[in-house]
Amino acid sequence: MIGVAIIESCIKRNIPVLAVVRKNTKRINRLPDSHLVDICYCELDDLKSLKCECGKYDVFFHLAWEGTTKQERDNPIIQEKNIKYALDAVEVAKKSGCKKFIGAGSQAEYGRTDGIITSQTRVSPEISYGIAKYTAGKLTRKLCEQYGLVHIWARIFSVYGKYDNEGTMIDYAINTFLQGKVAEFSASTQMWDYLNERDAGEFIYRLGEVVDKNGVYCI
């Protein structure tokens, strides 16, 4: 959902986009119908072999990730693969002539934390997903430095919107309310902010537009 929002932000500014999507995705109809959007089909484990027109692109946004379901998020074997995929994405960014690489980090990199979280908050991931995200962020930065690319790591927190996954809290709550039923929740012991998908996409787009040095940003 954030990838679509970034593309929409580009279209508003008349900026062409190459959308790299999985071959058998059922979500292809989410992509805006625009002459500015070209589509390239590629699986994550084939990413390194992706051929792009060198010098044509400015920014590489890497949002793809395997094993994001509740059942797979703490699977070390699945999550370890994502670290290599992220490094492969940097290789493609370099080949494509990009000057910036923007990777999608996660609030899971912080683990359990009291108080307001910032980019300076100590990271302490607990599940494999958070550990892999943090590792991918550190290693892609190393590779970007070697290739002379600006490295931006966007740690994404709770985003909601029309393309949210089924079963998330807001999706569940809205659907339950619309059916006139009573929604049941847990103890609500955590203070949590939510950001709309379009705002998240616009924020990440602007990182690509205006930020010219390495950095970590909480979305």
N, C-alpha and C. Protein backbone atom coordinates (compact mmCIF):
# COMPACT_ATOMS: atom_id res chain seq x y z
N MET A 1 0.83 -1.21 0.00
CA MET A 1 0.00 0.00 0.00
C MET A 1 0.86 1.26 0.00
N ILE A 2 2.04 1.20 0.59
CA ILE A 2 2.91 2.37 0.60
C ILE A 2 3.55 2.58 -0.76
N GLY A 3 3.89 1.49 -1.45
CA GLY A 3 4.44 1.61 -2.80
C GLY A 3 3.47 2.33 -3.73
N VAL A 4 2.20 1.97 -3.66
CA VAL A 4 1.18 2.64 -4.49
C VAL A 4 1.11 4.12 -4.13
N ALA A 5 1.16 4.43 -2.84
CA ALA A 5 1.09 5.83 -2.41
C ALA A 5 2.29 6.64 -2.91
N ILE A 6 3.47 6.03 -2.91
CA ILE A 6 4.66 6.72 -3.43
C ILE A 6 4.48 6.99 -4.93
N ILE A 7 3.98 6.00 -5.65
CA ILE A 7 3.75 6.18 -7.09
C ILE A 7 2.75 7.32 -7.33
N GLU A 8 1.70 7.37 -6.52
CA GLU A 8 0.71 8.45 -6.68
C GLU A 8 1.34 9.82 -6.43
N SER A 9 2.26 9.88 -5.47
CA SER A 9 2.97 11.14 -5.21
C SER A 9 3.83 11.54 -6.40
N CYS A 10 4.43 10.55 -7.06
CA CYS A 10 5.24 10.84 -8.26
C CYS A 10 4.36 11.32 -9.41
N ILE A 11 3.23 10.66 -9.61
CA ILE A 11 2.33 11.03 -10.71
C ILE A 11 1.86 12.47 -10.56
N LYS A 12 1.56 12.86 -9.33
CA LYS A 12 1.12 14.24 -9.08
C LYS A 12 2.14 15.26 -9.56
N ARG A 13 3.40 14.86 -9.57
CA ARG A 13 4.49 15.76 -9.97
C ARG A 13 5.00 15.46 -11.38
N ASN A 14 4.28 14.63 -12.10
CA ASN A 14 4.63 14.28 -13.48
C ASN A 14 5.98 13.57 -13.57
N ILE A 15 6.27 12.73 -12.59
CA ILE A 15 7.54 12.00 -12.52
C ILE A 15 7.31 10.55 -12.96
N PRO A 16 8.06 10.07 -13.95
CA PRO A 16 7.91 8.68 -14.40
C PRO A 16 8.45 7.69 -13.37
N VAL A 17 7.83 6.50 -13.34
CA VAL A 17 8.15 5.48 -12.35
C VAL A 17 8.29 4.13 -13.03
N LEU A 18 9.28 3.35 -12.59
CA LEU A 18 9.34 1.94 -12.96
C LEU A 18 8.92 1.15 -11.72
N ALA A 19 7.78 0.46 -11.81
CA ALA A 19 7.27 -0.34 -10.70
C ALA A 19 7.72 -1.78 -10.89
N VAL A 20 8.54 -2.28 -9.97
CA VAL A 20 9.00 -3.66 -10.02
C VAL A 20 8.09 -4.50 -9.13
N VAL A 21 7.37 -5.44 -9.74
CA VAL A 21 6.37 -6.21 -8.98
C VAL A 21 6.58 -7.71 -9.20
N ARG A 22 6.05 -8.51 -8.30
CA ARG A 22 6.16 -9.97 -8.42
C ARG A 22 5.35 -10.46 -9.61
N LYS A 23 5.79 -11.55 -10.20
CA LYS A 23 5.19 -12.03 -11.45
C LYS A 23 3.72 -12.41 -11.30
N ASN A 24 3.35 -13.03 -10.21
CA ASN A 24 1.98 -13.53 -10.06
C ASN A 24 1.18 -12.74 -9.02
N THR A 25 1.53 -11.48 -8.85
CA THR A 25 0.83 -10.70 -7.85
C THR A 25 -0.65 -10.54 -8.18
N LYS A 26 -1.48 -10.64 -7.16
CA LYS A 26 -2.92 -10.43 -7.32
C LYS A 26 -3.29 -8.97 -7.08
N ARG A 27 -2.27 -8.15 -6.83
CA ARG A 27 -2.52 -6.75 -6.48
C ARG A 27 -2.16 -5.79 -7.61
N ILE A 28 -1.94 -6.33 -8.80
CA ILE A 28 -1.49 -5.49 -9.91
C ILE A 28 -2.51 -4.39 -10.23
N ASN A 29 -3.80 -4.65 -9.97
CA ASN A 29 -4.82 -3.64 -10.28
C ASN A 29 -4.76 -2.45 -9.34
N ARG A 30 -3.93 -2.52 -8.31
CA ARG A 30 -3.78 -1.38 -7.42
C ARG A 30 -2.95 -0.27 -8.06
N LEU A 31 -2.09 -0.63 -9.00
CA LEU A 31 -1.20 0.38 -9.59
C LEU A 31 -2.01 1.37 -10.40
N PRO A 32 -1.73 2.66 -10.25
CA PRO A 32 -2.46 3.68 -11.01
C PRO A 32 -2.30 3.48 -12.51
N ASP A 33 -3.37 3.69 -13.24
CA ASP A 33 -3.33 3.59 -14.70
C ASP A 33 -2.83 4.92 -15.25
N SER A 34 -1.54 4.98 -15.55
CA SER A 34 -0.94 6.23 -15.99
C SER A 34 0.17 5.95 -16.99
N HIS A 35 0.32 6.83 -17.96
CA HIS A 35 1.41 6.70 -18.93
C HIS A 35 2.77 6.89 -18.28
N LEU A 36 2.78 7.40 -17.05
CA LEU A 36 4.03 7.64 -16.34
C LEU A 36 4.56 6.38 -15.65
N VAL A 37 3.73 5.33 -15.59
CA VAL A 37 4.10 4.13 -14.85
C VAL A 37 4.41 2.98 -15.80
N ASP A 38 5.65 2.52 -15.77
CA ASP A 38 6.05 1.30 -16.47
C ASP A 38 6.13 0.17 -15.45
N ILE A 39 5.78 -1.03 -15.87
CA ILE A 39 5.78 -2.17 -14.97
C ILE A 39 6.80 -3.19 -15.40
N CYS A 40 7.57 -3.68 -14.44
CA CYS A 40 8.56 -4.73 -14.69
C CYS A 40 8.30 -5.86 -13.70
N TYR A 41 8.16 -7.09 -14.22
CA TYR A 41 7.87 -8.24 -13.37
C TYR A 41 9.17 -8.93 -12.97
N CYS A 42 9.31 -9.16 -11.67
CA CYS A 42 10.54 -9.79 -11.17
C CYS A 42 10.31 -10.33 -9.76
N GLU A 43 10.76 -11.55 -9.51
CA GLU A 43 10.69 -12.11 -8.17
C GLU A 43 11.86 -11.59 -7.33
N LEU A 44 11.69 -11.62 -6.02
CA LEU A 44 12.74 -11.12 -5.14
C LEU A 44 14.05 -11.89 -5.33
N ASP A 45 13.96 -13.19 -5.48
CA ASP A 45 15.20 -13.96 -5.61
C ASP A 45 15.84 -13.81 -6.99
N ASP A 46 15.20 -13.04 -7.88
CA ASP A 46 15.75 -12.75 -9.20
C ASP A 46 16.16 -11.28 -9.33
N LEU A 47 16.02 -10.55 -8.24
CA LEU A 47 16.17 -9.10 -8.30
C LEU A 47 17.53 -8.67 -8.83
N LYS A 48 18.56 -9.39 -8.43
CA LYS A 48 19.91 -8.98 -8.81
C LYS A 48 20.12 -9.02 -10.31
N SER A 49 19.37 -9.87 -11.01
CA SER A 49 19.51 -9.99 -12.46
C SER A 49 18.63 -9.01 -13.23
N LEU A 50 17.89 -8.18 -12.51
CA LEU A 50 17.00 -7.21 -13.16
C LEU A 50 17.80 -6.25 -14.02
N LYS A 51 17.37 -6.10 -15.27
CA LYS A 51 18.07 -5.21 -16.19
C LYS A 51 17.27 -3.91 -16.35
N CYS A 52 17.88 -2.82 -15.93
CA CYS A 52 17.26 -1.50 -16.06
C CYS A 52 18.13 -0.61 -16.94
N GLU A 53 17.53 0.35 -17.54
CA GLU A 53 18.28 1.27 -18.41
C GLU A 53 19.16 2.17 -17.56
N CYS A 54 20.45 1.97 -17.65
CA CYS A 54 21.40 2.69 -16.80
C CYS A 54 21.32 4.19 -17.02
N GLY A 55 21.31 4.92 -15.91
CA GLY A 55 21.30 6.37 -15.97
C GLY A 55 19.92 6.98 -16.08
N LYS A 56 18.89 6.15 -16.16
CA LYS A 56 17.54 6.67 -16.37
C LYS A 56 16.84 7.01 -15.06
N TYR A 57 17.31 6.43 -13.94
CA TYR A 57 16.58 6.55 -12.69
C TYR A 57 17.37 7.34 -11.65
N ASP A 58 16.64 7.92 -10.72
CA ASP A 58 17.23 8.78 -9.69
C ASP A 58 17.25 8.14 -8.30
N VAL A 59 16.12 7.53 -7.93
CA VAL A 59 15.94 7.01 -6.57
C VAL A 59 15.39 5.60 -6.64
N PHE A 60 15.94 4.71 -5.81
CA PHE A 60 15.41 3.35 -5.70
C PHE A 60 14.71 3.21 -4.36
N PHE A 61 13.42 2.91 -4.39
CA PHE A 61 12.64 2.66 -3.16
C PHE A 61 12.49 1.15 -3.02
N HIS A 62 13.08 0.58 -1.97
CA HIS A 62 13.00 -0.87 -1.76
C HIS A 62 11.99 -1.15 -0.65
N LEU A 63 10.82 -1.66 -1.05
CA LEU A 63 9.74 -1.92 -0.09
C LEU A 63 9.41 -3.40 0.05
N ALA A 64 9.87 -4.22 -0.89
CA ALA A 64 9.49 -5.63 -0.89
C ALA A 64 10.13 -6.39 0.27
N TRP A 65 9.38 -7.38 0.80
CA TRP A 65 9.87 -8.16 1.94
C TRP A 65 9.07 -9.45 2.01
N GLU A 66 9.77 -10.55 2.20
CA GLU A 66 9.10 -11.84 2.38
C GLU A 66 8.78 -12.06 3.86
N GLY A 67 7.74 -12.86 4.13
CA GLY A 67 7.47 -13.30 5.50
C GLY A 67 6.96 -12.21 6.41
N THR A 68 5.93 -11.50 5.98
CA THR A 68 5.38 -10.43 6.81
C THR A 68 4.14 -10.85 7.58
N THR A 69 3.67 -12.09 7.38
CA THR A 69 2.50 -12.55 8.11
C THR A 69 2.88 -12.86 9.56
N LYS A 70 1.88 -12.92 10.40
CA LYS A 70 2.10 -13.19 11.82
C LYS A 70 2.82 -14.53 12.01
N GLN A 71 2.50 -15.51 11.15
CA GLN A 71 3.07 -16.84 11.29
C GLN A 71 4.54 -16.88 10.86
N GLU A 72 4.96 -15.95 10.00
CA GLU A 72 6.31 -16.02 9.42
C GLU A 72 7.28 -14.97 9.97
N ARG A 73 6.77 -14.01 10.71
CA ARG A 73 7.61 -12.89 11.12
C ARG A 73 8.76 -13.31 12.04
N ASP A 74 8.59 -14.42 12.76
CA ASP A 74 9.66 -14.84 13.67
C ASP A 74 10.37 -16.09 13.16
N ASN A 75 10.32 -16.29 11.83
CA ASN A 75 11.03 -17.40 11.21
C ASN A 75 12.40 -16.92 10.74
N PRO A 76 13.48 -17.33 11.42
CA PRO A 76 14.82 -16.81 11.08
C PRO A 76 15.25 -17.13 9.66
N ILE A 77 14.87 -18.30 9.15
CA ILE A 77 15.32 -18.72 7.82
C ILE A 77 14.68 -17.84 6.74
N ILE A 78 13.38 -17.58 6.87
CA ILE A 78 12.70 -16.71 5.91
C ILE A 78 13.26 -15.30 5.99
N GLN A 79 13.41 -14.80 7.21
CA GLN A 79 13.83 -13.40 7.37
C GLN A 79 15.27 -13.18 6.92
N GLU A 80 16.13 -14.19 7.07
CA GLU A 80 17.53 -14.03 6.66
C GLU A 80 17.64 -13.77 5.16
N LYS A 81 16.73 -14.37 4.38
CA LYS A 81 16.76 -14.18 2.93
C LYS A 81 16.55 -12.71 2.56
N ASN A 82 15.72 -12.02 3.35
CA ASN A 82 15.41 -10.64 3.04
C ASN A 82 16.62 -9.72 3.12
N ILE A 83 17.59 -10.08 3.92
CA ILE A 83 18.81 -9.28 4.02
C ILE A 83 19.56 -9.31 2.69
N LYS A 84 19.65 -10.50 2.10
CA LYS A 84 20.30 -10.61 0.79
C LYS A 84 19.49 -9.86 -0.28
N TYR A 85 18.17 -9.98 -0.23
CA TYR A 85 17.34 -9.29 -1.22
C TYR A 85 17.56 -7.77 -1.14
N ALA A 86 17.70 -7.26 0.07
CA ALA A 86 17.93 -5.82 0.23
C ALA A 86 19.27 -5.41 -0.37
N LEU A 87 20.29 -6.24 -0.16
CA LEU A 87 21.60 -5.96 -0.76
C LEU A 87 21.53 -6.07 -2.28
N ASP A 88 20.76 -7.03 -2.78
CA ASP A 88 20.56 -7.14 -4.23
C ASP A 88 19.91 -5.86 -4.77
N ALA A 89 18.99 -5.30 -4.00
CA ALA A 89 18.31 -4.07 -4.43
C ALA A 89 19.30 -2.92 -4.56
N VAL A 90 20.28 -2.86 -3.66
CA VAL A 90 21.31 -1.83 -3.78
C VAL A 90 22.12 -2.02 -5.06
N GLU A 91 22.41 -3.27 -5.39
CA GLU A 91 23.14 -3.56 -6.63
C GLU A 91 22.36 -3.05 -7.84
N VAL A 92 21.04 -3.28 -7.85
CA VAL A 92 20.21 -2.81 -8.96
C VAL A 92 20.18 -1.28 -8.99
N ALA A 93 20.09 -0.67 -7.82
CA ALA A 93 20.09 0.79 -7.75
C ALA A 93 21.36 1.36 -8.37
N LYS A 94 22.47 0.73 -8.05
CA LYS A 94 23.75 1.19 -8.61
C LYS A 94 23.77 1.03 -10.12
N LYS A 95 23.36 -0.15 -10.62
CA LYS A 95 23.35 -0.40 -12.06
C LYS A 95 22.42 0.55 -12.80
N SER A 96 21.36 0.98 -12.12
CA SER A 96 20.35 1.82 -12.77
C SER A 96 20.71 3.30 -12.78
N GLY A 97 21.82 3.63 -12.15
CA GLY A 97 22.24 5.02 -12.12
C GLY A 97 21.63 5.84 -11.01
N CYS A 98 20.98 5.17 -10.05
CA CYS A 98 20.35 5.90 -8.94
C CYS A 98 21.40 6.56 -8.06
N LYS A 99 21.03 7.69 -7.51
CA LYS A 99 21.90 8.41 -6.59
C LYS A 99 21.51 8.17 -5.13
N LYS A 100 20.27 7.67 -4.93
CA LYS A 100 19.77 7.43 -3.58
C LYS A 100 19.11 6.06 -3.49
N PHE A 101 19.28 5.45 -2.33
CA PHE A 101 18.60 4.19 -2.02
C PHE A 101 17.78 4.41 -0.76
N ILE A 102 16.48 4.13 -0.85
CA ILE A 102 15.60 4.27 0.31
C ILE A 102 15.04 2.90 0.64
N GLY A 103 15.34 2.42 1.85
CA GLY A 103 14.87 1.12 2.29
C GLY A 103 13.78 1.26 3.34
N ALA A 104 12.91 0.26 3.39
CA ALA A 104 11.80 0.26 4.35
C ALA A 104 12.20 -0.50 5.61
N GLY A 105 12.47 0.25 6.67
CA GLY A 105 12.72 -0.36 7.97
C GLY A 105 11.41 -0.54 8.71
N SER A 106 11.48 -0.78 10.01
CA SER A 106 10.27 -1.07 10.78
C SER A 106 10.42 -0.66 12.23
N GLN A 107 9.27 -0.38 12.84
CA GLN A 107 9.25 -0.13 14.28
C GLN A 107 9.72 -1.35 15.06
N ALA A 108 9.64 -2.54 14.43
CA ALA A 108 10.08 -3.77 15.10
C ALA A 108 11.57 -3.75 15.42
N GLU A 109 12.32 -2.84 14.79
CA GLU A 109 13.75 -2.72 15.09
C GLU A 109 13.99 -2.23 16.51
N TYR A 110 13.00 -1.57 17.10
CA TYR A 110 13.16 -1.01 18.44
C TYR A 110 12.79 -2.00 19.54
N GLY A 111 12.02 -3.04 19.22
CA GLY A 111 11.57 -3.94 20.26
C GLY A 111 10.56 -3.25 21.16
N ARG A 112 10.52 -3.63 22.42
CA ARG A 112 9.57 -3.04 23.38
C ARG A 112 10.19 -1.78 23.98
N THR A 113 9.53 -0.68 23.78
CA THR A 113 10.08 0.60 24.23
C THR A 113 8.99 1.45 24.85
N ASP A 114 9.27 2.04 25.99
CA ASP A 114 8.35 2.99 26.61
C ASP A 114 8.68 4.40 26.14
N GLY A 115 7.67 5.24 26.01
CA GLY A 115 7.89 6.62 25.63
C GLY A 115 7.88 6.81 24.13
N ILE A 116 8.15 8.04 23.73
CA ILE A 116 8.13 8.41 22.32
C ILE A 116 9.39 7.89 21.64
N ILE A 117 9.22 7.24 20.50
CA ILE A 117 10.34 6.67 19.77
C ILE A 117 10.82 7.66 18.71
N THR A 118 12.13 7.86 18.63
CA THR A 118 12.73 8.68 17.59
C THR A 118 13.82 7.87 16.90
N SER A 119 14.45 8.47 15.91
CA SER A 119 15.54 7.77 15.22
C SER A 119 16.73 7.54 16.14
N GLN A 120 16.79 8.27 17.26
CA GLN A 120 17.90 8.13 18.19
C GLN A 120 17.61 7.11 19.29
N THR A 121 16.40 6.60 19.36
CA THR A 121 16.05 5.61 20.38
C THR A 121 16.87 4.34 20.17
N ARG A 122 17.29 3.75 21.26
CA ARG A 122 18.12 2.54 21.19
C ARG A 122 17.33 1.40 20.55
N VAL A 123 17.95 0.75 19.57
CA VAL A 123 17.29 -0.39 18.93
C VAL A 123 17.54 -1.65 19.74
N SER A 124 16.50 -2.50 19.82
CA SER A 124 16.61 -3.77 20.54
C SER A 124 15.56 -4.73 20.01
N PRO A 125 15.72 -5.15 18.75
CA PRO A 125 14.69 -6.01 18.14
C PRO A 125 14.61 -7.37 18.84
N GLU A 126 13.40 -7.91 18.93
CA GLU A 126 13.19 -9.18 19.61
C GLU A 126 12.83 -10.30 18.65
N ILE A 127 12.03 -10.01 17.63
CA ILE A 127 11.63 -11.06 16.70
C ILE A 127 12.52 -11.04 15.46
N SER A 128 12.52 -12.14 14.74
CA SER A 128 13.40 -12.28 13.58
C SER A 128 13.17 -11.19 12.54
N TYR A 129 11.92 -10.80 12.37
CA TYR A 129 11.58 -9.74 11.41
C TYR A 129 12.31 -8.45 11.75
N GLY A 130 12.25 -8.03 13.01
CA GLY A 130 12.92 -6.81 13.43
C GLY A 130 14.44 -6.91 13.34
N ILE A 131 14.97 -8.08 13.70
CA ILE A 131 16.42 -8.30 13.61
C ILE A 131 16.89 -8.20 12.17
N ALA A 132 16.12 -8.82 11.25
CA ALA A 132 16.48 -8.78 9.83
C ALA A 132 16.36 -7.38 9.26
N LYS A 133 15.34 -6.65 9.65
CA LYS A 133 15.19 -5.27 9.18
C LYS A 133 16.38 -4.42 9.63
N TYR A 134 16.76 -4.54 10.89
CA TYR A 134 17.88 -3.76 11.41
C TYR A 134 19.17 -4.14 10.68
N THR A 135 19.39 -5.44 10.50
CA THR A 135 20.60 -5.90 9.82
C THR A 135 20.62 -5.43 8.37
N ALA A 136 19.48 -5.52 7.70
CA ALA A 136 19.39 -5.07 6.31
C ALA A 136 19.70 -3.58 6.21
N GLY A 137 19.22 -2.82 7.18
CA GLY A 137 19.49 -1.38 7.18
C GLY A 137 20.97 -1.07 7.32
N LYS A 138 21.64 -1.77 8.24
CA LYS A 138 23.07 -1.53 8.47
C LYS A 138 23.91 -1.97 7.27
N LEU A 139 23.61 -3.15 6.71
CA LEU A 139 24.43 -3.67 5.62
C LEU A 139 24.18 -2.92 4.31
N THR A 140 22.95 -2.54 4.03
CA THR A 140 22.70 -1.76 2.82
C THR A 140 23.36 -0.40 2.92
N ARG A 141 23.45 0.14 4.10
CA ARG A 141 24.16 1.42 4.25
C ARG A 141 25.64 1.24 3.93
N LYS A 142 26.23 0.16 4.43
CA LYS A 142 27.65 -0.12 4.12
C LYS A 142 27.86 -0.21 2.61
N LEU A 143 26.98 -0.95 1.94
CA LEU A 143 27.14 -1.13 0.50
C LEU A 143 26.91 0.17 -0.26
N CYS A 144 25.93 0.95 0.19
CA CYS A 144 25.69 2.25 -0.44
C CYS A 144 26.90 3.17 -0.30
N GLU A 145 27.53 3.14 0.86
CA GLU A 145 28.72 3.96 1.07
C GLU A 145 29.83 3.55 0.11
N GLN A 146 29.96 2.26 -0.12
CA GLN A 146 30.99 1.77 -1.05
C GLN A 146 30.69 2.20 -2.49
N TYR A 147 29.40 2.29 -2.82
CA TYR A 147 29.00 2.65 -4.19
C TYR A 147 28.76 4.14 -4.37
N GLY A 148 28.86 4.91 -3.29
CA GLY A 148 28.65 6.35 -3.39
C GLY A 148 27.19 6.76 -3.49
N LEU A 149 26.28 5.93 -2.95
CA LEU A 149 24.85 6.25 -2.95
C LEU A 149 24.44 6.82 -1.60
N VAL A 150 23.53 7.78 -1.61
CA VAL A 150 22.91 8.25 -0.37
C VAL A 150 22.00 7.14 0.15
N HIS A 151 22.11 6.82 1.44
CA HIS A 151 21.32 5.75 2.05
C HIS A 151 20.33 6.33 3.05
N ILE A 152 19.06 6.08 2.80
CA ILE A 152 18.00 6.58 3.67
C ILE A 152 17.20 5.38 4.16
N TRP A 153 17.10 5.23 5.48
CA TRP A 153 16.37 4.10 6.06
C TRP A 153 15.11 4.63 6.74
N ALA A 154 13.96 4.29 6.16
CA ALA A 154 12.68 4.79 6.65
C ALA A 154 12.03 3.73 7.54
N ARG A 155 12.06 3.94 8.85
CA ARG A 155 11.45 2.98 9.77
C ARG A 155 9.95 3.25 9.86
N ILE A 156 9.19 2.35 9.27
CA ILE A 156 7.75 2.55 9.14
C ILE A 156 7.04 1.99 10.37
N PHE A 157 6.15 2.79 10.94
CA PHE A 157 5.38 2.37 12.11
C PHE A 157 4.01 1.87 11.64
N SER A 158 2.95 2.30 12.24
CA SER A 158 1.63 1.75 11.93
C SER A 158 0.93 2.58 10.88
N VAL A 159 0.76 1.99 9.70
CA VAL A 159 0.13 2.66 8.57
C VAL A 159 -1.18 1.94 8.25
N TYR A 160 -2.22 2.71 7.95
CA TYR A 160 -3.50 2.11 7.60
C TYR A 160 -4.01 2.76 6.33
N GLY A 161 -5.01 2.15 5.70
CA GLY A 161 -5.60 2.73 4.51
C GLY A 161 -6.42 1.70 3.76
N LYS A 162 -6.86 2.06 2.57
CA LYS A 162 -7.76 1.18 1.82
C LYS A 162 -7.06 -0.09 1.36
N TYR A 163 -5.73 -0.08 1.30
CA TYR A 163 -5.00 -1.27 0.87
C TYR A 163 -4.37 -2.00 2.05
N ASP A 164 -4.87 -1.75 3.25
CA ASP A 164 -4.37 -2.44 4.44
C ASP A 164 -4.65 -3.94 4.32
N ASN A 165 -3.81 -4.75 4.96
CA ASN A 165 -4.03 -6.19 4.97
C ASN A 165 -5.26 -6.55 5.80
N GLU A 166 -5.93 -7.60 5.40
CA GLU A 166 -7.09 -8.06 6.17
C GLU A 166 -6.64 -8.53 7.55
N GLY A 167 -7.45 -8.22 8.56
CA GLY A 167 -7.18 -8.71 9.90
C GLY A 167 -6.38 -7.78 10.77
N THR A 168 -5.83 -6.68 10.19
CA THR A 168 -5.17 -5.70 11.06
C THR A 168 -6.22 -5.05 11.95
N MET A 169 -5.79 -4.39 13.01
CA MET A 169 -6.75 -3.91 14.00
C MET A 169 -7.78 -2.96 13.39
N ILE A 170 -7.32 -1.98 12.61
CA ILE A 170 -8.25 -1.00 12.06
C ILE A 170 -9.16 -1.66 11.02
N ASP A 171 -8.62 -2.52 10.17
CA ASP A 171 -9.44 -3.23 9.19
C ASP A 171 -10.51 -4.07 9.90
N TYR A 172 -10.09 -4.80 10.92
CA TYR A 172 -11.03 -5.63 11.68
C TYR A 172 -12.10 -4.78 12.34
N ALA A 173 -11.68 -3.68 12.98
CA ALA A 173 -12.63 -2.84 13.70
C ALA A 173 -13.68 -2.23 12.76
N ILE A 174 -13.23 -1.66 11.66
CA ILE A 174 -14.16 -1.01 10.72
C ILE A 174 -15.15 -2.02 10.16
N ASN A 175 -14.65 -3.18 9.72
CA ASN A 175 -15.54 -4.20 9.16
C ASN A 175 -16.54 -4.70 10.19
N THR A 176 -16.09 -4.85 11.43
CA THR A 176 -16.99 -5.32 12.50
C THR A 176 -18.06 -4.28 12.79
N PHE A 177 -17.66 -3.00 12.87
CA PHE A 177 -18.63 -1.93 13.13
C PHE A 177 -19.66 -1.82 12.01
N LEU A 178 -19.18 -1.95 10.75
CA LEU A 178 -20.09 -1.84 9.60
C LEU A 178 -21.13 -2.96 9.60
N GLN A 179 -20.79 -4.08 10.20
CA GLN A 179 -21.73 -5.19 10.30
C GLN A 179 -22.64 -5.07 11.52
N GLY A 180 -22.47 -3.99 12.28
CA GLY A 180 -23.29 -3.79 13.47
C GLY A 180 -22.95 -4.71 14.62
N LYS A 181 -21.74 -5.26 14.61
CA LYS A 181 -21.32 -6.18 15.65
C LYS A 181 -20.42 -5.49 16.67
N VAL A 182 -20.14 -6.18 17.76
CA VAL A 182 -19.26 -5.65 18.79
C VAL A 182 -17.84 -6.14 18.52
N ALA A 183 -16.90 -5.21 18.41
CA ALA A 183 -15.50 -5.57 18.19
C ALA A 183 -14.82 -5.84 19.53
N GLU A 184 -13.98 -6.87 19.57
CA GLU A 184 -13.27 -7.22 20.80
C GLU A 184 -11.78 -6.97 20.62
N PHE A 185 -11.19 -6.34 21.62
CA PHE A 185 -9.77 -5.98 21.56
C PHE A 185 -9.04 -6.50 22.79
N SER A 186 -7.72 -6.41 22.74
CA SER A 186 -6.91 -6.83 23.89
C SER A 186 -6.91 -5.70 24.93
N ALA A 187 -5.99 -5.77 25.88
CA ALA A 187 -6.03 -4.88 27.05
C ALA A 187 -5.71 -3.42 26.74
N SER A 188 -5.21 -3.13 25.55
CA SER A 188 -4.89 -1.75 25.16
C SER A 188 -3.88 -1.11 26.12
N THR A 189 -2.76 -1.77 26.29
CA THR A 189 -1.73 -1.25 27.21
C THR A 189 -0.69 -0.41 26.49
N GLN A 190 -0.75 -0.32 25.16
CA GLN A 190 0.26 0.43 24.41
C GLN A 190 -0.35 1.69 23.81
N MET A 191 0.42 2.78 23.85
CA MET A 191 0.03 4.02 23.17
C MET A 191 0.54 3.94 21.74
N TRP A 192 -0.34 4.15 20.77
CA TRP A 192 0.00 3.85 19.39
C TRP A 192 -0.53 4.94 18.46
N ASP A 193 0.30 5.40 17.55
CA ASP A 193 -0.15 6.34 16.52
C ASP A 193 -0.30 5.62 15.19
N TYR A 194 -1.28 6.07 14.40
CA TYR A 194 -1.48 5.51 13.06
C TYR A 194 -1.38 6.62 12.03
N LEU A 195 -0.81 6.27 10.87
CA LEU A 195 -0.63 7.22 9.78
C LEU A 195 -1.31 6.66 8.54
N ASN A 196 -2.04 7.52 7.82
CA ASN A 196 -2.69 7.08 6.60
C ASN A 196 -1.66 6.74 5.53
N GLU A 197 -1.98 5.74 4.70
CA GLU A 197 -1.05 5.27 3.68
C GLU A 197 -0.59 6.39 2.74
N ARG A 198 -1.50 7.31 2.38
CA ARG A 198 -1.12 8.38 1.46
C ARG A 198 -0.13 9.34 2.11
N ASP A 199 -0.31 9.60 3.40
CA ASP A 199 0.64 10.47 4.11
C ASP A 199 2.01 9.79 4.21
N ALA A 200 1.99 8.48 4.48
CA ALA A 200 3.26 7.74 4.56
C ALA A 200 3.97 7.75 3.21
N GLY A 201 3.22 7.53 2.14
CA GLY A 201 3.82 7.54 0.81
C GLY A 201 4.39 8.89 0.45
N GLU A 202 3.67 9.95 0.79
CA GLU A 202 4.14 11.30 0.50
C GLU A 202 5.41 11.62 1.30
N PHE A 203 5.44 11.19 2.56
CA PHE A 203 6.61 11.41 3.41
C PHE A 203 7.84 10.73 2.81
N ILE A 204 7.68 9.45 2.42
CA ILE A 204 8.81 8.70 1.88
C ILE A 204 9.23 9.27 0.52
N TYR A 205 8.25 9.69 -0.29
CA TYR A 205 8.59 10.34 -1.55
C TYR A 205 9.48 11.57 -1.30
N ARG A 206 9.10 12.38 -0.33
CA ARG A 206 9.87 13.62 -0.05
C ARG A 206 11.27 13.31 0.45
N LEU A 207 11.44 12.19 1.15
CA LEU A 207 12.80 11.79 1.53
C LEU A 207 13.66 11.63 0.28
N GLY A 208 13.07 11.03 -0.75
CA GLY A 208 13.80 10.86 -1.99
C GLY A 208 14.05 12.15 -2.73
N GLU A 209 13.15 13.11 -2.54
CA GLU A 209 13.26 14.37 -3.27
C GLU A 209 14.25 15.34 -2.63
N VAL A 210 14.26 15.43 -1.29
CA VAL A 210 14.99 16.53 -0.66
C VAL A 210 16.17 16.11 0.22
N VAL A 211 16.22 14.85 0.69
CA VAL A 211 17.28 14.45 1.61
C VAL A 211 18.51 14.02 0.81
N ASP A 212 19.66 14.62 1.14
CA ASP A 212 20.88 14.36 0.37
C ASP A 212 22.01 13.79 1.20
N LYS A 213 21.69 13.26 2.38
CA LYS A 213 22.72 12.61 3.19
C LYS A 213 22.13 11.40 3.90
N ASN A 214 22.98 10.51 4.31
CA ASN A 214 22.54 9.29 4.99
C ASN A 214 21.74 9.64 6.23
N GLY A 215 20.71 8.81 6.50
CA GLY A 215 19.93 9.07 7.70
C GLY A 215 18.87 8.02 7.93
N VAL A 216 18.38 7.98 9.19
CA VAL A 216 17.26 7.11 9.59
C VAL A 216 16.09 8.02 9.94
N TYR A 217 14.92 7.68 9.42
CA TYR A 217 13.73 8.49 9.67
C TYR A 217 12.58 7.60 10.11
N CYS A 218 11.88 8.03 11.16
CA CYS A 218 10.71 7.30 11.65
C CYS A 218 9.47 7.82 10.92
N ILE A 219 8.75 6.90 10.28
CA ILE A 219 7.56 7.26 9.51
C ILE A 219 6.32 6.91 10.33
